[in-house]
N, C-alpha and C. Protein backbone atom coordinates (compact mmCIF):
# COMPACT_ATOMS: atom_id res chain seq x y z
N MET A 1 31.26 10.23 -2.18
CA MET A 1 30.65 8.99 -2.59
C MET A 1 29.12 9.27 -1.92
N ARG A 2 29.28 9.85 -0.66
CA ARG A 2 27.94 9.19 -0.09
C ARG A 2 26.96 10.39 -0.69
N THR A 3 27.00 11.60 -1.26
CA THR A 3 26.25 12.08 -1.73
C THR A 3 25.77 11.50 -3.20
N ARG A 4 26.77 10.56 -3.89
CA ARG A 4 25.82 10.00 -5.33
C ARG A 4 24.97 9.10 -4.65
N LEU A 5 25.18 8.14 -2.94
CA LEU A 5 24.67 7.24 -2.86
C LEU A 5 22.94 7.49 -2.73
N ILE A 6 23.30 9.08 -1.86
CA ILE A 6 21.65 9.49 -1.67
C ILE A 6 21.24 10.26 -2.63
N PHE A 7 21.45 10.50 -3.97
CA PHE A 7 21.29 10.81 -4.79
C PHE A 7 20.32 9.52 -5.49
N ALA A 8 21.30 8.60 -5.70
CA ALA A 8 21.01 7.11 -6.47
C ALA A 8 19.52 6.72 -5.62
N LEU A 9 19.63 7.02 -4.33
CA LEU A 9 18.26 6.03 -3.49
C LEU A 9 17.26 6.95 -3.73
N ALA A 10 17.32 8.60 -3.84
CA ALA A 10 16.47 9.42 -3.96
C ALA A 10 15.77 9.09 -5.46
N PHE A 11 16.28 9.32 -6.07
CA PHE A 11 16.04 8.62 -8.07
C PHE A 11 15.28 7.66 -7.84
N ILE A 12 15.60 6.59 -7.13
CA ILE A 12 15.16 5.31 -7.27
C ILE A 12 13.68 5.09 -6.85
N GLY A 13 13.57 6.17 -5.63
CA GLY A 13 12.40 5.96 -4.49
C GLY A 13 11.23 7.13 -5.42
N LEU A 14 11.90 8.51 -6.18
CA LEU A 14 10.97 8.98 -7.03
C LEU A 14 10.56 7.90 -8.21
N PHE A 15 11.25 7.69 -8.51
CA PHE A 15 10.80 6.29 -10.04
C PHE A 15 10.01 5.28 -9.27
N LEU A 16 10.15 4.65 -8.13
CA LEU A 16 8.99 3.64 -7.74
C LEU A 16 7.58 4.35 -7.38
N VAL A 17 7.85 5.63 -6.87
CA VAL A 17 6.31 6.58 -6.89
C VAL A 17 5.72 6.79 -7.93
N ALA A 18 6.36 6.75 -8.93
CA ALA A 18 6.28 7.64 -10.38
C ALA A 18 5.38 6.52 -11.27
N VAL A 19 5.80 4.89 -10.95
CA VAL A 19 5.42 4.03 -11.67
C VAL A 19 3.92 3.49 -10.95
N TYR A 20 3.79 3.56 -9.59
CA TYR A 20 2.89 3.41 -8.72
C TYR A 20 1.78 4.45 -9.31
N TRP A 21 1.96 5.65 -9.65
CA TRP A 21 1.07 6.66 -9.80
C TRP A 21 0.45 6.53 -11.12
N ILE A 22 1.31 6.05 -12.01
CA ILE A 22 1.02 5.93 -13.59
C ILE A 22 -0.20 4.78 -13.59
N SER A 23 0.48 3.66 -12.55
CA SER A 23 -0.49 2.25 -12.70
C SER A 23 -1.66 2.70 -11.96
N THR A 24 -2.03 3.83 -11.72
CA THR A 24 -3.54 3.54 -10.56
C THR A 24 -4.17 4.76 -11.91
N TRP A 25 -3.47 5.32 -12.88
CA TRP A 25 -4.47 6.12 -14.02
C TRP A 25 -5.84 5.90 -13.93
N ASP A 26 -5.93 4.89 -14.92
CA ASP A 26 -6.91 3.90 -14.93
C ASP A 26 -7.51 3.24 -14.13
N ASP A 27 -7.78 3.21 -13.14
CA ASP A 27 -7.95 2.19 -11.96
C ASP A 27 -9.96 2.44 -12.22
N HIS A 28 -10.50 3.74 -12.51
CA HIS A 28 -11.88 4.04 -12.31
C HIS A 28 -12.60 4.05 -13.31
N GLN A 29 -11.78 3.06 -14.52
CA GLN A 29 -12.47 3.04 -15.83
C GLN A 29 -12.61 1.31 -15.99
N ILE A 30 -13.64 0.75 -16.52
CA ILE A 30 -13.76 -0.11 -16.87
C ILE A 30 -14.51 -0.59 -18.35
N GLU A 31 -13.81 -1.14 -19.18
CA GLU A 31 -14.34 -1.53 -20.80
C GLU A 31 -14.72 -2.91 -20.75
N GLY A 32 -15.53 -2.91 -21.26
CA GLY A 32 -15.94 -4.37 -21.58
C GLY A 32 -17.44 -4.93 -22.24
N ARG A 33 -17.93 -5.83 -22.32
CA ARG A 33 -18.77 -6.54 -22.66
C ARG A 33 -19.67 -6.89 -21.92
N ILE A 34 -20.86 -6.44 -21.72
CA ILE A 34 -22.02 -6.73 -20.56
C ILE A 34 -22.30 -8.31 -20.70
N GLU A 35 -22.34 -8.75 -19.85
CA GLU A 35 -22.35 -10.64 -19.82
C GLU A 35 -23.78 -10.74 -19.51
N GLN A 36 -24.05 -10.27 -18.06
CA GLN A 36 -25.10 -10.39 -17.69
C GLN A 36 -25.83 -9.34 -16.74
N ILE A 37 -27.05 -9.19 -16.42
CA ILE A 37 -27.60 -7.86 -16.28
C ILE A 37 -28.78 -8.30 -15.36
N ASP A 38 -28.60 -8.25 -14.12
CA ASP A 38 -29.21 -8.47 -12.78
C ASP A 38 -29.17 -7.42 -11.81
N ILE A 39 -30.29 -6.38 -12.26
CA ILE A 39 -29.99 -4.79 -11.27
C ILE A 39 -30.36 -4.96 -10.07
N PRO A 40 -29.13 -4.76 -9.27
CA PRO A 40 -28.94 -3.48 -9.06
C PRO A 40 -27.36 -3.91 -9.73
N GLN A 41 -27.08 -4.72 -10.37
CA GLN A 41 -25.65 -5.52 -10.78
C GLN A 41 -25.23 -5.43 -11.76
N LEU A 42 -24.38 -5.54 -12.83
CA LEU A 42 -23.85 -5.95 -14.09
C LEU A 42 -22.69 -6.88 -13.89
N MET A 43 -22.59 -7.36 -14.94
CA MET A 43 -21.81 -8.30 -15.07
C MET A 43 -20.73 -8.01 -16.09
N ILE A 44 -19.57 -7.69 -16.03
CA ILE A 44 -18.83 -6.91 -17.45
C ILE A 44 -17.58 -7.97 -17.69
N GLY A 45 -17.80 -8.21 -18.61
CA GLY A 45 -16.65 -9.42 -19.22
C GLY A 45 -15.62 -8.65 -20.02
N PRO A 46 -14.72 -9.04 -20.87
CA PRO A 46 -13.81 -8.78 -21.97
C PRO A 46 -14.78 -8.50 -23.04
N HIS A 47 -13.69 -7.33 -23.71
CA HIS A 47 -14.94 -6.98 -25.28
C HIS A 47 -14.36 -8.16 -26.51
N ASP A 48 -13.34 -8.75 -26.36
CA ASP A 48 -13.22 -9.49 -27.25
C ASP A 48 -13.05 -11.21 -26.50
N LEU A 49 -13.50 -12.23 -27.05
CA LEU A 49 -13.98 -13.38 -26.50
C LEU A 49 -13.04 -14.06 -27.27
N SER A 50 -11.34 -13.81 -27.36
CA SER A 50 -10.57 -14.54 -27.45
C SER A 50 -10.04 -15.28 -26.31
N ASP A 51 -10.07 -15.38 -25.62
CA ASP A 51 -9.53 -15.94 -24.18
C ASP A 51 -10.50 -17.11 -23.71
N ASP A 52 -9.59 -18.30 -23.28
CA ASP A 52 -10.47 -19.62 -22.84
C ASP A 52 -10.90 -19.01 -22.19
N GLU A 53 -10.53 -18.22 -20.89
CA GLU A 53 -11.13 -18.77 -19.53
C GLU A 53 -11.95 -16.80 -19.46
N LEU A 54 -13.09 -16.51 -18.94
CA LEU A 54 -13.54 -15.23 -18.86
C LEU A 54 -13.54 -14.78 -17.31
N THR A 55 -13.18 -13.78 -17.78
CA THR A 55 -12.97 -13.17 -16.10
C THR A 55 -13.92 -12.33 -16.19
N LEU A 56 -15.03 -12.22 -15.25
CA LEU A 56 -16.16 -11.33 -15.04
C LEU A 56 -15.71 -10.09 -13.76
N GLN A 57 -16.51 -8.88 -14.35
CA GLN A 57 -16.46 -8.15 -12.58
C GLN A 57 -17.99 -7.52 -12.50
N THR A 58 -18.06 -7.53 -11.36
CA THR A 58 -19.61 -7.16 -10.61
C THR A 58 -19.23 -5.65 -10.36
N ILE A 59 -20.41 -4.93 -11.19
CA ILE A 59 -20.43 -3.44 -11.24
C ILE A 59 -21.55 -2.97 -10.45
N LEU A 60 -22.10 -2.63 -9.44
CA LEU A 60 -23.34 -1.71 -8.65
C LEU A 60 -23.68 -0.80 -9.80
N ILE A 61 -24.96 -0.64 -9.90
CA ILE A 61 -25.57 0.40 -10.35
C ILE A 61 -26.65 0.94 -9.49
N ASN A 62 -26.88 2.45 -9.66
CA ASN A 62 -28.22 2.30 -8.82
C ASN A 62 -29.13 3.77 -9.56
N GLU A 63 -29.77 4.26 -8.74
CA GLU A 63 -30.57 5.24 -9.73
C GLU A 63 -29.83 6.92 -10.01
N ARG A 64 -28.42 6.94 -9.46
CA ARG A 64 -27.54 7.99 -9.95
C ARG A 64 -26.69 7.62 -10.88
N THR A 65 -26.96 6.21 -11.50
CA THR A 65 -26.16 6.10 -12.60
C THR A 65 -26.60 6.97 -13.92
N LYS A 66 -25.53 7.31 -14.37
CA LYS A 66 -25.97 8.01 -15.84
C LYS A 66 -25.75 6.85 -17.08
N VAL A 67 -26.62 6.83 -18.02
CA VAL A 67 -26.12 6.23 -18.57
C VAL A 67 -26.27 7.04 -20.19
N THR A 68 -25.09 6.55 -20.89
CA THR A 68 -24.95 7.68 -21.94
C THR A 68 -24.81 6.88 -23.68
N GLY A 69 -24.96 7.40 -24.65
CA GLY A 69 -24.37 6.62 -25.87
C GLY A 69 -25.81 5.72 -26.42
N GLU A 70 -25.72 4.97 -26.79
CA GLU A 70 -26.79 4.00 -27.32
C GLU A 70 -27.81 3.69 -26.58
N ALA A 71 -27.34 3.58 -25.51
CA ALA A 71 -28.63 3.56 -24.40
C ALA A 71 -28.80 4.88 -23.46
N ASN A 72 -30.21 5.14 -23.03
CA ASN A 72 -30.34 6.56 -22.76
C ASN A 72 -30.65 5.98 -20.69
N ASP A 73 -31.09 4.38 -20.68
CA ASP A 73 -31.40 4.32 -18.94
C ASP A 73 -31.10 2.97 -19.06
N VAL A 74 -31.14 2.69 -17.51
CA VAL A 74 -30.37 1.60 -17.34
C VAL A 74 -31.22 0.51 -17.88
N GLN A 75 -32.68 0.56 -18.19
CA GLN A 75 -33.57 -0.47 -18.07
C GLN A 75 -33.44 -0.36 -19.90
N GLN A 76 -32.40 0.41 -20.85
CA GLN A 76 -32.10 0.07 -22.37
C GLN A 76 -31.10 -0.78 -22.24
N LEU A 77 -30.27 -1.17 -21.03
CA LEU A 77 -29.23 -1.75 -21.39
C LEU A 77 -29.24 -3.53 -21.98
N GLN A 78 -28.64 -3.97 -22.68
CA GLN A 78 -28.72 -5.25 -23.29
C GLN A 78 -26.73 -6.05 -22.93
N VAL A 79 -27.63 -7.14 -22.80
CA VAL A 79 -26.30 -8.54 -22.95
C VAL A 79 -25.67 -8.35 -24.60
N GLY A 80 -24.26 -8.20 -24.26
CA GLY A 80 -23.37 -8.04 -25.15
C GLY A 80 -23.16 -6.66 -26.05
N GLN A 81 -23.55 -5.77 -25.31
CA GLN A 81 -22.94 -4.40 -25.92
C GLN A 81 -22.06 -4.21 -25.10
N VAL A 82 -20.89 -2.93 -26.19
CA VAL A 82 -19.60 -3.20 -25.62
C VAL A 82 -20.00 -1.35 -24.45
N VAL A 83 -19.63 -1.32 -23.45
CA VAL A 83 -19.58 -0.15 -23.08
C VAL A 83 -18.14 0.04 -22.02
N THR A 84 -18.22 1.57 -22.02
CA THR A 84 -17.01 1.67 -20.80
C THR A 84 -17.80 2.20 -19.46
N VAL A 85 -17.51 1.62 -18.47
CA VAL A 85 -18.22 2.13 -17.40
C VAL A 85 -17.20 3.16 -16.15
N GLU A 86 -17.21 4.16 -15.58
CA GLU A 86 -16.85 4.94 -15.09
C GLU A 86 -17.00 4.87 -13.20
N LEU A 87 -16.05 4.49 -12.28
CA LEU A 87 -16.61 3.75 -10.95
C LEU A 87 -16.50 5.03 -10.42
N ASP A 88 -16.77 5.03 -9.01
CA ASP A 88 -16.63 6.40 -8.07
C ASP A 88 -15.26 5.74 -7.00
N ARG A 89 -14.75 6.70 -7.09
CA ARG A 89 -13.13 6.78 -6.80
C ARG A 89 -13.18 6.52 -5.34
N ASP A 90 -14.42 6.90 -4.50
CA ASP A 90 -14.34 7.17 -3.33
C ASP A 90 -15.24 6.15 -2.41
N ALA A 91 -15.53 5.03 -3.71
CA ALA A 91 -16.23 3.91 -2.76
C ALA A 91 -15.29 2.57 -2.75
N LYS A 92 -15.71 2.25 -1.76
CA LYS A 92 -14.88 0.88 -1.54
C LYS A 92 -15.31 -0.49 -2.84
N LEU A 93 -16.62 -0.38 -2.95
CA LEU A 93 -16.94 -1.27 -3.75
C LEU A 93 -17.39 -0.59 -5.54
N LYS A 94 -16.99 -1.56 -5.81
CA LYS A 94 -17.27 -0.62 -7.92
C LYS A 94 -18.80 -0.55 -8.14
N ILE A 95 -18.80 0.73 -7.92
CA ILE A 95 -20.31 1.50 -8.03
C ILE A 95 -19.93 2.29 -9.33
N ALA A 96 -20.88 2.57 -10.02
CA ALA A 96 -21.14 3.20 -11.50
C ALA A 96 -21.16 4.22 -11.66
N VAL A 97 -20.57 5.48 -11.95
CA VAL A 97 -20.96 6.12 -11.32
C VAL A 97 -21.65 7.20 -13.46
N SER A 98 -21.06 6.39 -14.08
CA SER A 98 -21.73 6.61 -15.59
C SER A 98 -21.17 4.97 -16.40
N ILE A 99 -21.85 5.11 -17.07
CA ILE A 99 -21.77 3.65 -18.20
C ILE A 99 -22.28 4.45 -19.67
N HIS A 100 -20.80 3.97 -20.45
CA HIS A 100 -21.30 4.74 -21.92
C HIS A 100 -21.52 3.61 -22.89
N VAL A 101 -22.62 3.42 -23.34
CA VAL A 101 -22.59 2.34 -24.31
C VAL A 101 -22.05 2.59 -25.79
N GLN A 102 -21.04 1.82 -26.26
CA GLN A 102 -20.56 2.15 -27.51
C GLN A 102 -21.34 1.68 -28.17
N PRO A 103 -21.45 2.08 -29.56
CA PRO A 103 -22.11 1.91 -30.63
C PRO A 103 -21.44 0.52 -31.26
N ASP A 104 -22.15 -0.46 -32.10
CA ASP A 104 -21.77 -1.64 -32.26
C ASP A 104 -20.53 -2.27 -33.63
């Protein structure tokens, strides 16, 4: 009986660790539409405008931020473009490592 209890608790613990690990997989990427550009920061909102309430995320950009896709430089970014932003995993703030601009 004691062995079954230990096995069950170990299984539940491993399951909870696996769920936490899976939930953190895409924490370093944000997809959305550029709502405001005020260098050195971008305001990113959801790419579908079906919600009544708009939740914006502030992303910091710097000279090391790579821009790919429809734009080649930070200066070519425009409001309304759909982007995928990869964040610096080690930073405490949301600092963009790369921004991929998706075609319309």
